[in-house]
Amino acid sequence: MTITTELTRSLGIKHPIVQGGMQWVGVAPLAAAVARGGGLGLLTALTQPSPDALREAIRDTRKRLGDSQGKFGVNITLLPSISPPDYAGYARAAMDEGVDIFETAGNNPGPLIKLIQTYQSPGSTAVPKRYIIHKCVTIRHALSGQKMGVDCLSIDGFECAGHPGEEDIGGLVLLARAAKELSIPYIASGGFADGKGLAAAMSLGAAGINMGTRFMCTVESPIHQKIKEKIVASTERDTVHIFRTLRNTARVYKNAVSVEVVKLERRPGGAKFEDLRELVAGARGRKVYETGDVDAGIWSAGISVGLIDDIPTCEELVDRIVREAEETIGRMASCISNPRQSKL
């Protein structure tokens, strides 16, 4: 038995499960493992130092997939920056390598989405069809993405790791609104880690789920074993929001560094980014994953940490989620009685 949705049909994947794009985590070993397991794996473009490095990561992922029919794509997240990365260069590198599935996120995505929709690689005779999943934290942004012609929307609730926006709307209401407002497929993101979550998302009209934190805690995830074990030991109360006062809210793991950041933001007069820069430096966050030192820097985690209690392979995890979702959907269906039969 399998679960078939608009997402699985459109992408040719076995299961309606997408691995979220994650800085320092969305690399070839993880993306290939998710793809082999029947989900959609994603390489995180900005984890790579350059577009050429992304090309190598794409080739590495294909090599790891071998003869597998698994599918993977590339995540490109647009971030506030004084010196922005070469987003277009990353996109062109991916498309020149034949990637036809993209996840986009961030502010002002229009130019990037247009490039993906219209770019013709050197030597090609036509622009191929490319599938774009655009991540949004509000319905108005989702409607904007729909107008831009994206193929699918990822509706990111307040429960998510990373940037949930500034309106603090949980996934339950966002997904119910999406069902009313959107005319293209959407998937659910933020707080998903098991089959019950997949069944719940589908009951709210979603064509699948996107998981980041849950895939961090798998055998093939590139982060240090001690961090995986810390996730397993954590509860849903072990995350915190930083940058609230800067209106660039991010949900991260609650450790010594993030607690200090919040303390500085709450002091009289608040804090400017310059006051926090050293604490939140990306290089420090990367050390967390490399060394296993939980307090080395800031690292992203969603409240789904409260649902994670093991470190399976990606294939084991995806199979278990689908099996549990099937059982949950079946149990829900059994709650419906036939009115005519009940009168007999």
C-alpha atoms as a PDB file:
ATOM      1  CA  MET A   1       0.000   0.000   0.000  1.00  0.00           C
ATOM      2  CA  THR A   2       1.255   3.473  -0.846  1.00  0.00           C
ATOM      3  CA  ILE A   3       0.000   7.016  -0.347  1.00  0.00           C
ATOM      4  CA  THR A   4      -0.456   8.788  -3.657  1.00  0.00           C
ATOM      5  CA  THR A   5      -0.910  12.547  -3.839  1.00  0.00           C
ATOM      6  CA  GLU A   6      -0.496  15.343  -6.351  1.00  0.00           C
ATOM      7  CA  LEU A   7       3.090  15.698  -5.092  1.00  0.00           C
ATOM      8  CA  THR A   8       4.050  12.064  -5.690  1.00  0.00           C
ATOM      9  CA  ARG A   9       2.387  12.066  -9.113  1.00  0.00           C
ATOM     10  CA  SER A  10       4.017  15.307 -10.233  1.00  0.00           C
ATOM     11  CA  LEU A  11       7.534  14.462  -9.054  1.00  0.00           C
ATOM     12  CA  GLY A  12       7.502  10.716  -9.617  1.00  0.00           C
ATOM     13  CA  ILE A  13       8.473  10.004  -6.007  1.00  0.00           C
ATOM     14  CA  LYS A  14       7.216   7.073  -3.978  1.00  0.00           C
ATOM     15  CA  HIS A  15       6.242   8.885  -0.783  1.00  0.00           C
ATOM     16  CA  PRO A  16       4.872  12.423  -0.127  1.00  0.00           C
ATOM     17  CA  ILE A  17       7.774  13.412   2.102  1.00  0.00           C
ATOM     18  CA  VAL A  18      10.249  16.225   1.385  1.00  0.00           C
ATOM     19  CA  GLN A  19      13.549  16.770   3.175  1.00  0.00           C
ATOM     20  CA  GLY A  20      13.815  20.417   4.105  1.00  0.00           C
ATOM     21  CA  GLY A  21      16.702  22.547   2.909  1.00  0.00           C
ATOM     22  CA  MET A  22      19.044  23.083   5.883  1.00  0.00           C
ATOM     23  CA  GLN A  23      22.287  25.025   6.096  1.00  0.00           C
ATOM     24  CA  TRP A  24      25.298  22.711   6.653  1.00  0.00           C
ATOM     25  CA  VAL A  25      22.943  19.687   6.701  1.00  0.00           C
ATOM     26  CA  GLY A  26      21.421  19.466   3.204  1.00  0.00           C
ATOM     27  CA  VAL A  27      24.422  17.799   1.587  1.00  0.00           C
ATOM     28  CA  ALA A  28      24.861  14.842  -0.766  1.00  0.00           C
ATOM     29  CA  PRO A  29      24.818  11.950   1.759  1.00  0.00           C
ATOM     30  CA  LEU A  30      21.511  13.080   3.279  1.00  0.00           C
ATOM     31  CA  ALA A  31      19.803  14.142   0.036  1.00  0.00           C
ATOM     32  CA  ALA A  32      20.716  10.849  -1.636  1.00  0.00           C
ATOM     33  CA  ALA A  33      19.553   8.802   1.356  1.00  0.00           C
ATOM     34  CA  VAL A  34      16.155  10.518   1.435  1.00  0.00           C
ATOM     35  CA  ALA A  35      15.806  10.054  -2.326  1.00  0.00           C
ATOM     36  CA  ARG A  36      16.698   6.354  -2.081  1.00  0.00           C
ATOM     37  CA  GLY A  37      14.085   6.025   0.658  1.00  0.00           C
ATOM     38  CA  GLY A  38      11.377   7.282  -1.692  1.00  0.00           C
ATOM     39  CA  GLY A  39      11.110  10.897  -0.542  1.00  0.00           C
ATOM     40  CA  LEU A  40      12.436  14.053  -2.169  1.00  0.00           C
ATOM     41  CA  GLY A  41      15.978  14.903  -1.089  1.00  0.00           C
ATOM     42  CA  LEU A  42      17.231  18.485  -1.227  1.00  0.00           C
ATOM     43  CA  LEU A  43      20.715  19.908  -1.502  1.00  0.00           C
ATOM     44  CA  THR A  44      21.083  23.282   0.193  1.00  0.00           C
ATOM     45  CA  ALA A  45      22.785  25.530  -2.349  1.00  0.00           C
ATOM     46  CA  LEU A  46      24.240  28.035   0.126  1.00  0.00           C
ATOM     47  CA  THR A  47      25.927  25.297   2.149  1.00  0.00           C
ATOM     48  CA  GLN A  48      28.311  25.125  -0.796  1.00  0.00           C
ATOM     49  CA  PRO A  49      30.926  27.915  -1.001  1.00  0.00           C
ATOM     50  CA  SER A  50      30.343  28.570  -4.712  1.00  0.00           C
ATOM     51  CA  PRO A  51      28.174  27.590  -7.682  1.00  0.00           C
ATOM     52  CA  ASP A  52      30.974  25.312  -8.913  1.00  0.00           C
ATOM     53  CA  ALA A  53      31.008  23.550  -5.540  1.00  0.00           C
ATOM     54  CA  LEU A  54      27.246  23.056  -5.903  1.00  0.00           C
ATOM     55  CA  ARG A  55      27.888  21.388  -9.271  1.00  0.00           C
ATOM     56  CA  GLU A  56      30.197  18.907  -7.536  1.00  0.00           C
ATOM     57  CA  ALA A  57      27.606  18.259  -4.819  1.00  0.00           C
ATOM     58  CA  ILE A  58      24.978  17.519  -7.468  1.00  0.00           C
ATOM     59  CA  ARG A  59      27.311  15.066  -9.209  1.00  0.00           C
ATOM     60  CA  ASP A  60      28.148  13.448  -5.873  1.00  0.00           C
ATOM     61  CA  THR A  61      24.447  13.018  -5.081  1.00  0.00           C
ATOM     62  CA  ARG A  62      23.819  11.346  -8.437  1.00  0.00           C
ATOM     63  CA  LYS A  63      26.794   9.050  -7.889  1.00  0.00           C
ATOM     64  CA  ARG A  64      25.434   8.037  -4.484  1.00  0.00           C
ATOM     65  CA  LEU A  65      22.001   7.368  -5.974  1.00  0.00           C
ATOM     66  CA  GLY A  66      23.465   5.062  -8.617  1.00  0.00           C
ATOM     67  CA  ASP A  67      20.709   3.141 -10.370  1.00  0.00           C
ATOM     68  CA  SER A  68      18.099   4.223  -7.823  1.00  0.00           C
ATOM     69  CA  GLN A  69      15.024   5.975  -9.207  1.00  0.00           C
ATOM     70  CA  GLY A  70      15.107   8.454  -6.332  1.00  0.00           C
ATOM     71  CA  LYS A  71      14.616  12.178  -6.929  1.00  0.00           C
ATOM     72  CA  PHE A  72      16.409  15.171  -5.465  1.00  0.00           C
ATOM     73  CA  GLY A  73      16.404  18.914  -6.004  1.00  0.00           C
ATOM     74  CA  VAL A  74      18.130  22.077  -4.833  1.00  0.00           C
ATOM     75  CA  ASN A  75      17.055  24.542  -2.149  1.00  0.00           C
ATOM     76  CA  ILE A  76      17.896  28.224  -2.643  1.00  0.00           C
ATOM     77  CA  THR A  77      16.988  30.463   0.275  1.00  0.00           C
ATOM     78  CA  LEU A  78      17.183  34.240  -0.131  1.00  0.00           C
ATOM     79  CA  LEU A  79      18.615  35.767   3.035  1.00  0.00           C
ATOM     80  CA  PRO A  80      19.033  39.389   4.187  1.00  0.00           C
ATOM     81  CA  SER A  81      22.670  40.258   3.550  1.00  0.00           C
ATOM     82  CA  ILE A  82      24.898  43.271   2.965  1.00  0.00           C
ATOM     83  CA  SER A  83      26.780  41.231   0.335  1.00  0.00           C
ATOM     84  CA  PRO A  84      24.252  38.724  -1.031  1.00  0.00           C
ATOM     85  CA  PRO A  85      25.474  35.425  -2.493  1.00  0.00           C
ATOM     86  CA  ASP A  86      25.310  34.793  -6.234  1.00  0.00           C
ATOM     87  CA  TYR A  87      21.818  33.318  -6.109  1.00  0.00           C
ATOM     88  CA  ALA A  88      21.443  33.365  -9.886  1.00  0.00           C
ATOM     89  CA  GLY A  89      24.830  31.696 -10.279  1.00  0.00           C
ATOM     90  CA  TYR A  90      23.803  28.865  -7.947  1.00  0.00           C
ATOM     91  CA  ALA A  91      20.519  28.431  -9.827  1.00  0.00           C
ATOM     92  CA  ARG A  92      22.223  28.379 -13.240  1.00  0.00           C
ATOM     93  CA  ALA A  93      24.821  25.882 -12.016  1.00  0.00           C
ATOM     94  CA  ALA A  94      22.068  23.555 -10.806  1.00  0.00           C
ATOM     95  CA  MET A  95      20.082  23.882 -14.024  1.00  0.00           C
ATOM     96  CA  ASP A  96      23.187  23.329 -16.166  1.00  0.00           C
ATOM     97  CA  GLU A  97      23.673  20.097 -14.213  1.00  0.00           C
ATOM     98  CA  GLY A  98      20.149  19.019 -15.147  1.00  0.00           C
ATOM     99  CA  VAL A  99      18.387  19.693 -11.844  1.00  0.00           C
ATOM    100  CA  ASP A 100      14.690  20.260 -12.506  1.00  0.00           C
ATOM    101  CA  ILE A 101      13.284  20.460  -8.959  1.00  0.00           C
ATOM    102  CA  PHE A 102      13.824  23.530  -6.789  1.00  0.00           C
ATOM    103  CA  GLU A 103      12.736  24.696  -3.374  1.00  0.00           C
ATOM    104  CA  THR A 104      12.815  28.492  -2.995  1.00  0.00           C
ATOM    105  CA  ALA A 105      12.315  30.586   0.117  1.00  0.00           C
ATOM    106  CA  GLY A 106      12.920  34.086   1.405  1.00  0.00           C
ATOM    107  CA  ASN A 107      12.134  37.674   0.503  1.00  0.00           C
ATOM    108  CA  ASN A 108      11.555  38.960  -3.026  1.00  0.00           C
ATOM    109  CA  PRO A 109      11.777  35.557  -4.749  1.00  0.00           C
ATOM    110  CA  GLY A 110      10.281  36.786  -8.041  1.00  0.00           C
ATOM    111  CA  PRO A 111      13.505  37.235 -10.030  1.00  0.00           C
ATOM    112  CA  LEU A 112      14.864  33.868  -8.920  1.00  0.00           C
ATOM    113  CA  ILE A 113      11.612  32.067  -9.711  1.00  0.00           C
ATOM    114  CA  LYS A 114      11.469  33.732 -13.139  1.00  0.00           C
ATOM    115  CA  LEU A 115      15.043  32.648 -13.862  1.00  0.00           C
ATOM    116  CA  ILE A 116      14.274  29.033 -12.978  1.00  0.00           C
ATOM    117  CA  GLN A 117      11.166  29.097 -15.151  1.00  0.00           C
ATOM    118  CA  THR A 118      12.868  30.582 -18.227  1.00  0.00           C
ATOM    119  CA  TYR A 119      16.574  29.688 -18.202  1.00  0.00           C
ATOM    120  CA  GLN A 120      17.874  27.707 -21.168  1.00  0.00           C
ATOM    121  CA  SER A 121      21.148  25.930 -20.493  1.00  0.00           C
ATOM    122  CA  PRO A 122      23.943  26.252 -23.066  1.00  0.00           C
ATOM    123  CA  GLY A 123      23.608  23.602 -25.757  1.00  0.00           C
ATOM    124  CA  SER A 124      19.958  22.843 -25.016  1.00  0.00           C
ATOM    125  CA  THR A 125      17.262  23.330 -27.635  1.00  0.00           C
ATOM    126  CA  ALA A 126      14.440  24.343 -25.301  1.00  0.00           C
ATOM    127  CA  VAL A 127      13.621  25.370 -21.750  1.00  0.00           C
ATOM    128  CA  PRO A 128      12.688  22.201 -19.842  1.00  0.00           C
ATOM    129  CA  LYS A 129       9.810  22.051 -17.401  1.00  0.00           C
ATOM    130  CA  ARG A 130      11.125  22.652 -13.893  1.00  0.00           C
ATOM    131  CA  TYR A 131       9.155  22.074 -10.699  1.00  0.00           C
ATOM    132  CA  ILE A 132       9.286  24.842  -8.081  1.00  0.00           C
ATOM    133  CA  ILE A 133       8.209  24.448  -4.460  1.00  0.00           C
ATOM    134  CA  HIS A 134       8.090  27.861  -2.767  1.00  0.00           C
ATOM    135  CA  LYS A 135       8.102  28.061   1.022  1.00  0.00           C
ATOM    136  CA  CYS A 136       5.840  30.637   2.714  1.00  0.00           C
ATOM    137  CA  VAL A 137       4.943  31.547   6.291  1.00  0.00           C
ATOM    138  CA  THR A 138       1.762  33.503   5.484  1.00  0.00           C
ATOM    139  CA  ILE A 139      -1.174  32.956   3.165  1.00  0.00           C
ATOM    140  CA  ARG A 140      -0.651  36.321   1.472  1.00  0.00           C
ATOM    141  CA  HIS A 141       2.880  35.253   0.520  1.00  0.00           C
ATOM    142  CA  ALA A 142       1.515  31.915  -0.660  1.00  0.00           C
ATOM    143  CA  LEU A 143      -0.969  33.693  -2.907  1.00  0.00           C
ATOM    144  CA  SER A 144       1.870  35.817  -4.265  1.00  0.00           C
ATOM    145  CA  GLY A 145       3.891  32.683  -5.025  1.00  0.00           C
ATOM    146  CA  GLN A 146       0.869  31.163  -6.739  1.00  0.00           C
ATOM    147  CA  LYS A 147       0.615  34.252  -8.981  1.00  0.00           C
ATOM    148  CA  MET A 148       4.300  33.840  -9.879  1.00  0.00           C
ATOM    149  CA  GLY A 149       3.478  30.443 -11.318  1.00  0.00           C
ATOM    150  CA  VAL A 150       5.217  28.131  -8.853  1.00  0.00           C
ATOM    151  CA  ASP A 151       4.055  24.524  -8.949  1.00  0.00           C
ATOM    152  CA  CYS A 152       3.632  23.881  -5.244  1.00  0.00           C
ATOM    153  CA  LEU A 153       3.736  25.822  -1.991  1.00  0.00           C
ATOM    154  CA  SER A 154       5.305  24.759   1.289  1.00  0.00           C
ATOM    155  CA  ILE A 155       3.209  26.233   4.096  1.00  0.00           C
ATOM    156  CA  ASP A 156       5.539  26.801   7.033  1.00  0.00           C
ATOM    157  CA  GLY A 157       3.868  27.037  10.435  1.00  0.00           C
ATOM    158  CA  PHE A 158       5.114  28.751  13.596  1.00  0.00           C
ATOM    159  CA  GLU A 159       6.371  25.382  14.848  1.00  0.00           C
ATOM    160  CA  CYS A 160       9.198  25.313  12.312  1.00  0.00           C
ATOM    161  CA  ALA A 161      12.923  25.651  12.797  1.00  0.00           C
ATOM    162  CA  GLY A 162      14.563  28.695  11.259  1.00  0.00           C
ATOM    163  CA  HIS A 163      12.482  31.705  10.266  1.00  0.00           C
ATOM    164  CA  PRO A 164       8.719  31.430  10.990  1.00  0.00           C
ATOM    165  CA  GLY A 165       7.951  35.038  10.109  1.00  0.00           C
ATOM    166  CA  GLU A 166       6.582  37.639  12.501  1.00  0.00           C
ATOM    167  CA  GLU A 167       2.893  36.760  12.703  1.00  0.00           C
ATOM    168  CA  ASP A 168       3.145  33.653  14.926  1.00  0.00           C
ATOM    169  CA  ILE A 169       0.475  31.618  13.121  1.00  0.00           C
ATOM    170  CA  GLY A 170       0.559  27.886  13.803  1.00  0.00           C
ATOM    171  CA  GLY A 171       0.374  25.265  11.100  1.00  0.00           C
ATOM    172  CA  LEU A 172      -3.139  24.115  11.982  1.00  0.00           C
ATOM    173  CA  VAL A 173      -4.708  27.442  11.031  1.00  0.00           C
ATOM    174  CA  LEU A 174      -2.301  28.158   8.161  1.00  0.00           C
ATOM    175  CA  LEU A 175      -3.070  24.832   6.494  1.00  0.00           C
ATOM    176  CA  ALA A 176      -6.831  25.249   6.962  1.00  0.00           C
ATOM    177  CA  ARG A 177      -6.548  28.688   5.372  1.00  0.00           C
ATOM    178  CA  ALA A 178      -4.445  27.260   2.548  1.00  0.00           C
ATOM    179  CA  ALA A 179      -7.195  24.744   1.816  1.00  0.00           C
ATOM    180  CA  LYS A 180      -9.640  27.622   1.397  1.00  0.00           C
ATOM    181  CA  GLU A 181      -7.450  30.074  -0.489  1.00  0.00           C
ATOM    182  CA  LEU A 182      -5.024  28.191  -2.739  1.00  0.00           C
ATOM    183  CA  SER A 183      -5.678  26.586  -6.106  1.00  0.00           C
ATOM    184  CA  ILE A 184      -2.331  24.782  -6.493  1.00  0.00           C
ATOM    185  CA  PRO A 185      -0.922  21.897  -4.409  1.00  0.00           C
ATOM    186  CA  TYR A 186       0.746  22.649  -1.105  1.00  0.00           C
ATOM    187  CA  ILE A 187       2.727  20.682   1.444  1.00  0.00           C
ATOM    188  CA  ALA A 188       2.891  21.186   5.204  1.00  0.00           C
ATOM    189  CA  SER A 189       6.047  22.255   6.999  1.00  0.00           C
ATOM    190  CA  GLY A 190       6.890  22.892  10.634  1.00  0.00           C
ATOM    191  CA  GLY A 191       6.370  20.406  13.463  1.00  0.00           C
ATOM    192  CA  PHE A 192       6.191  17.219  11.385  1.00  0.00           C
ATOM    193  CA  ALA A 193       8.136  14.133  12.416  1.00  0.00           C
ATOM    194  CA  ASP A 194       5.868  11.086  12.228  1.00  0.00           C
ATOM    195  CA  GLY A 195       3.020   9.365  10.415  1.00  0.00           C
ATOM    196  CA  LYS A 196       0.306  10.933  12.526  1.00  0.00           C
ATOM    197  CA  GLY A 197       1.592  14.299  11.385  1.00  0.00           C
ATOM    198  CA  LEU A 198       1.488  13.221   7.729  1.00  0.00           C
ATOM    199  CA  ALA A 199      -2.105  12.004   8.139  1.00  0.00           C
ATOM    200  CA  ALA A 200      -3.066  15.255   9.878  1.00  0.00           C
ATOM    201  CA  ALA A 201      -1.485  17.339   7.120  1.00  0.00           C
ATOM    202  CA  MET A 202      -3.342  15.393   4.447  1.00  0.00           C
ATOM    203  CA  SER A 203      -6.616  15.842   6.320  1.00  0.00           C
ATOM    204  CA  LEU A 204      -5.986  19.590   6.012  1.00  0.00           C
ATOM    205  CA  GLY A 205      -5.559  19.324   2.267  1.00  0.00           C
ATOM    206  CA  ALA A 206      -1.769  19.034   2.044  1.00  0.00           C
ATOM    207  CA  ALA A 207      -0.186  16.882  -0.652  1.00  0.00           C
ATOM    208  CA  GLY A 208       2.660  15.899   1.659  1.00  0.00           C
ATOM    209  CA  ILE A 209       4.983  17.111   4.390  1.00  0.00           C
ATOM    210  CA  ASN A 210       8.356  18.801   4.610  1.00  0.00           C
ATOM    211  CA  MET A 211      10.653  17.744   7.467  1.00  0.00           C
ATOM    212  CA  GLY A 212      13.937  19.331   8.492  1.00  0.00           C
ATOM    213  CA  THR A 213      14.658  18.644  12.156  1.00  0.00           C
ATOM    214  CA  ARG A 214      13.484  15.028  11.892  1.00  0.00           C
ATOM    215  CA  PHE A 215      15.921  14.311   9.032  1.00  0.00           C
ATOM    216  CA  MET A 216      18.744  15.929  11.018  1.00  0.00           C
ATOM    217  CA  CYS A 217      18.414  13.036  13.437  1.00  0.00           C
ATOM    218  CA  THR A 218      19.073  10.147  11.031  1.00  0.00           C
ATOM    219  CA  VAL A 219      22.041   7.891  10.391  1.00  0.00           C
ATOM    220  CA  GLU A 220      22.937   9.642   7.125  1.00  0.00           C
ATOM    221  CA  SER A 221      22.645  13.175   8.509  1.00  0.00           C
ATOM    222  CA  PRO A 222      26.109  14.811   8.446  1.00  0.00           C
ATOM    223  CA  ILE A 223      25.870  16.366  11.918  1.00  0.00           C
ATOM    224  CA  HIS A 224      27.823  15.064  14.914  1.00  0.00           C
ATOM    225  CA  GLN A 225      26.448  12.051  16.766  1.00  0.00           C
ATOM    226  CA  LYS A 226      26.334  14.007  20.035  1.00  0.00           C
ATOM    227  CA  ILE A 227      23.961  16.531  18.480  1.00  0.00           C
ATOM    228  CA  LYS A 228      21.703  13.753  17.244  1.00  0.00           C
ATOM    229  CA  GLU A 229      21.676  12.286  20.752  1.00  0.00           C
ATOM    230  CA  LYS A 230      20.894  15.727  22.175  1.00  0.00           C
ATOM    231  CA  ILE A 231      17.887  15.995  19.861  1.00  0.00           C
ATOM    232  CA  VAL A 232      16.634  12.589  21.017  1.00  0.00           C
ATOM    233  CA  ALA A 233      16.962  13.686  24.651  1.00  0.00           C
ATOM    234  CA  SER A 234      15.132  16.985  24.063  1.00  0.00           C
ATOM    235  CA  THR A 235      11.509  17.995  24.503  1.00  0.00           C
ATOM    236  CA  GLU A 236       9.310  20.440  22.649  1.00  0.00           C
ATOM    237  CA  ARG A 237      10.315  23.082  25.219  1.00  0.00           C
ATOM    238  CA  ASP A 238      13.984  23.044  24.189  1.00  0.00           C
ATOM    239  CA  THR A 239      13.863  25.698  21.475  1.00  0.00           C
ATOM    240  CA  VAL A 240      13.797  29.472  21.690  1.00  0.00           C
ATOM    241  CA  HIS A 241      13.177  32.438  19.395  1.00  0.00           C
ATOM    242  CA  ILE A 242      15.996  34.890  18.752  1.00  0.00           C
ATOM    243  CA  PHE A 243      15.969  38.159  16.782  1.00  0.00           C
ATOM    244  CA  ARG A 244      12.386  38.877  17.885  1.00  0.00           C
ATOM    245  CA  THR A 245      13.215  42.516  18.588  1.00  0.00           C
ATOM    246  CA  LEU A 246      14.934  42.815  15.193  1.00  0.00           C
ATOM    247  CA  ARG A 247      11.841  41.470  13.440  1.00  0.00           C
ATOM    248  CA  ASN A 248      13.850  38.664  11.888  1.00  0.00           C
ATOM    249  CA  THR A 249      12.645  35.910  14.215  1.00  0.00           C
ATOM    250  CA  ALA A 250      14.423  32.559  14.129  1.00  0.00           C
ATOM    251  CA  ARG A 251      13.638  29.415  16.115  1.00  0.00           C
ATOM    252  CA  VAL A 252      16.846  27.772  17.325  1.00  0.00           C
ATOM    253  CA  TYR A 253      17.928  25.253  19.911  1.00  0.00           C
ATOM    254  CA  LYS A 254      17.913  26.604  23.472  1.00  0.00           C
ATOM    255  CA  ASN A 255      21.539  26.588  24.566  1.00  0.00           C
ATOM    256  CA  ALA A 256      23.939  28.936  26.352  1.00  0.00           C
ATOM    257  CA  VAL A 257      24.427  31.071  23.235  1.00  0.00           C
ATOM    258  CA  SER A 258      20.780  31.511  22.271  1.00  0.00           C
ATOM    259  CA  VAL A 259      19.829  32.271  25.890  1.00  0.00           C
ATOM    260  CA  GLU A 260      22.502  34.986  25.942  1.00  0.00           C
ATOM    261  CA  VAL A 261      21.167  36.443  22.685  1.00  0.00           C
ATOM    262  CA  VAL A 262      17.650  36.659  24.118  1.00  0.00           C
ATOM    263  CA  LYS A 263      19.029  38.220  27.304  1.00  0.00           C
ATOM    264  CA  LEU A 264      20.774  40.937  25.301  1.00  0.00           C
ATOM    265  CA  GLU A 265      17.640  41.610  23.249  1.00  0.00           C
ATOM    266  CA  ARG A 266      15.575  42.024  26.418  1.00  0.00           C
ATOM    267  CA  ARG A 267      17.932  44.405  28.190  1.00  0.00           C
ATOM    268  CA  PRO A 268      16.863  48.081  28.519  1.00  0.00           C
ATOM    269  CA  GLY A 269      17.378  49.683  25.142  1.00  0.00           C
ATOM    270  CA  GLY A 270      17.431  46.321  23.391  1.00  0.00           C
ATOM    271  CA  ALA A 271      20.223  45.193  21.095  1.00  0.00           C
ATOM    272  CA  LYS A 272      21.381  45.890  17.575  1.00  0.00           C
ATOM    273  CA  PHE A 273      22.569  43.164  15.255  1.00  0.00           C
ATOM    274  CA  GLU A 274      26.135  44.389  15.743  1.00  0.00           C
ATOM    275  CA  ASP A 275      25.793  43.537  19.439  1.00  0.00           C
ATOM    276  CA  LEU A 276      24.849  39.959  18.548  1.00  0.00           C
ATOM    277  CA  ARG A 277      26.982  39.360  15.470  1.00  0.00           C
ATOM    278  CA  GLU A 278      29.758  37.399  17.172  1.00  0.00           C
ATOM    279  CA  LEU A 279      27.342  35.192  19.100  1.00  0.00           C
ATOM    280  CA  VAL A 280      25.260  34.248  16.056  1.00  0.00           C
ATOM    281  CA  ALA A 281      28.064  33.882  13.496  1.00  0.00           C
ATOM    282  CA  GLY A 282      27.399  31.083  11.045  1.00  0.00           C
ATOM    283  CA  ALA A 283      30.892  29.697  11.519  1.00  0.00           C
ATOM    284  CA  ARG A 284      30.108  29.077  15.192  1.00  0.00           C
ATOM    285  CA  GLY A 285      26.902  27.290  14.298  1.00  0.00           C
ATOM    286  CA  ARG A 286      28.758  25.064  11.877  1.00  0.00           C
ATOM    287  CA  LYS A 287      31.127  24.035  14.692  1.00  0.00           C
ATOM    288  CA  VAL A 288      28.156  22.646  16.606  1.00  0.00           C
ATOM    289  CA  TYR A 289      27.552  20.112  13.849  1.00  0.00           C
ATOM    290  CA  GLU A 290      31.256  19.379  13.346  1.00  0.00           C
ATOM    291  CA  THR A 291      32.405  19.056  16.964  1.00  0.00           C
ATOM    292  CA  GLY A 292      29.290  17.984  18.822  1.00  0.00           C
ATOM    293  CA  ASP A 293      29.576  20.920  21.233  1.00  0.00           C
ATOM    294  CA  VAL A 294      25.945  21.885  21.831  1.00  0.00           C
ATOM    295  CA  ASP A 295      26.935  25.342  23.088  1.00  0.00           C
ATOM    296  CA  ALA A 296      29.468  26.225  20.389  1.00  0.00           C
ATOM    297  CA  GLY A 297      26.995  28.447  18.546  1.00  0.00           C
ATOM    298  CA  ILE A 298      23.468  28.956  17.285  1.00  0.00           C
ATOM    299  CA  TRP A 299      21.802  25.981  15.560  1.00  0.00           C
ATOM    300  CA  SER A 300      18.316  25.559  14.161  1.00  0.00           C
ATOM    301  CA  ALA A 301      15.774  23.153  15.619  1.00  0.00           C
ATOM    302  CA  GLY A 302      12.001  22.983  15.452  1.00  0.00           C
ATOM    303  CA  ILE A 303       9.668  21.961  18.259  1.00  0.00           C
ATOM    304  CA  SER A 304       9.366  18.579  16.556  1.00  0.00           C
ATOM    305  CA  VAL A 305      12.411  17.680  18.683  1.00  0.00           C
ATOM    306  CA  GLY A 306       9.758  16.675  21.203  1.00  0.00           C
ATOM    307  CA  LEU A 307       8.589  13.915  18.841  1.00  0.00           C
ATOM    308  CA  ILE A 308      12.019  12.447  18.062  1.00  0.00           C
ATOM    309  CA  ASP A 309      13.235   9.499  20.110  1.00  0.00           C
ATOM    310  CA  ASP A 310      15.565   7.553  17.820  1.00  0.00           C
ATOM    311  CA  ILE A 311      18.188   7.820  15.063  1.00  0.00           C
ATOM    312  CA  PRO A 312      17.018   5.621  12.157  1.00  0.00           C
ATOM    313  CA  THR A 313      18.239   5.482   8.582  1.00  0.00           C
ATOM    314  CA  CYS A 314      16.316   7.732   6.208  1.00  0.00           C
ATOM    315  CA  GLU A 315      14.745   4.722   4.520  1.00  0.00           C
ATOM    316  CA  GLU A 316      13.603   3.274   7.849  1.00  0.00           C
ATOM    317  CA  LEU A 317      12.182   6.635   8.889  1.00  0.00           C
ATOM    318  CA  VAL A 318      10.263   7.264   5.665  1.00  0.00           C
ATOM    319  CA  ASP A 319       8.856   3.724   5.591  1.00  0.00           C
ATOM    320  CA  ARG A 320       7.747   4.010   9.212  1.00  0.00           C
ATOM    321  CA  ILE A 321       6.099   7.389   8.681  1.00  0.00           C
ATOM    322  CA  VAL A 322       4.140   6.151   5.674  1.00  0.00           C
ATOM    323  CA  ARG A 323       3.101   2.962   7.456  1.00  0.00           C
ATOM    324  CA  GLU A 324       1.938   4.904  10.500  1.00  0.00           C
ATOM    325  CA  ALA A 325       0.073   7.390   8.303  1.00  0.00           C
ATOM    326  CA  GLU A 326      -1.706   4.559   6.504  1.00  0.00           C
ATOM    327  CA  GLU A 327      -2.749   3.048   9.846  1.00  0.00           C
ATOM    328  CA  THR A 328      -3.939   6.434  11.111  1.00  0.00           C
ATOM    329  CA  ILE A 329      -5.943   7.163   7.969  1.00  0.00           C
ATOM    330  CA  GLY A 330      -7.491   3.690   8.155  1.00  0.00           C
ATOM    331  CA  ARG A 331      -8.448   4.201  11.788  1.00  0.00           C
ATOM    332  CA  MET A 332     -10.004   7.557  10.958  1.00  0.00           C
ATOM    333  CA  ALA A 333     -11.986   6.022   8.102  1.00  0.00           C
ATOM    334  CA  SER A 334     -13.361   3.371  10.459  1.00  0.00           C
ATOM    335  CA  CYS A 335     -14.947   6.154  12.552  1.00  0.00           C
ATOM    336  CA  ILE A 336     -17.417   6.895   9.749  1.00  0.00           C
ATOM    337  CA  SER A 337     -20.619   4.913   9.979  1.00  0.00           C
ATOM    338  CA  ASN A 338     -23.252   4.462   7.291  1.00  0.00           C
ATOM    339  CA  PRO A 339     -26.401   6.279   8.454  1.00  0.00           C
ATOM    340  CA  ARG A 340     -28.637   3.824   6.602  1.00  0.00           C
ATOM    341  CA  GLN A 341     -27.004   0.829   8.214  1.00  0.00           C
ATOM    342  CA  SER A 342     -27.236   2.420  11.670  1.00  0.00           C
ATOM    343  CA  LYS A 343     -31.055   2.630  11.306  1.00  0.00           C
ATOM    344  CA  LEU A 344     -31.459  -1.060  10.528  1.00  0.00           C
END
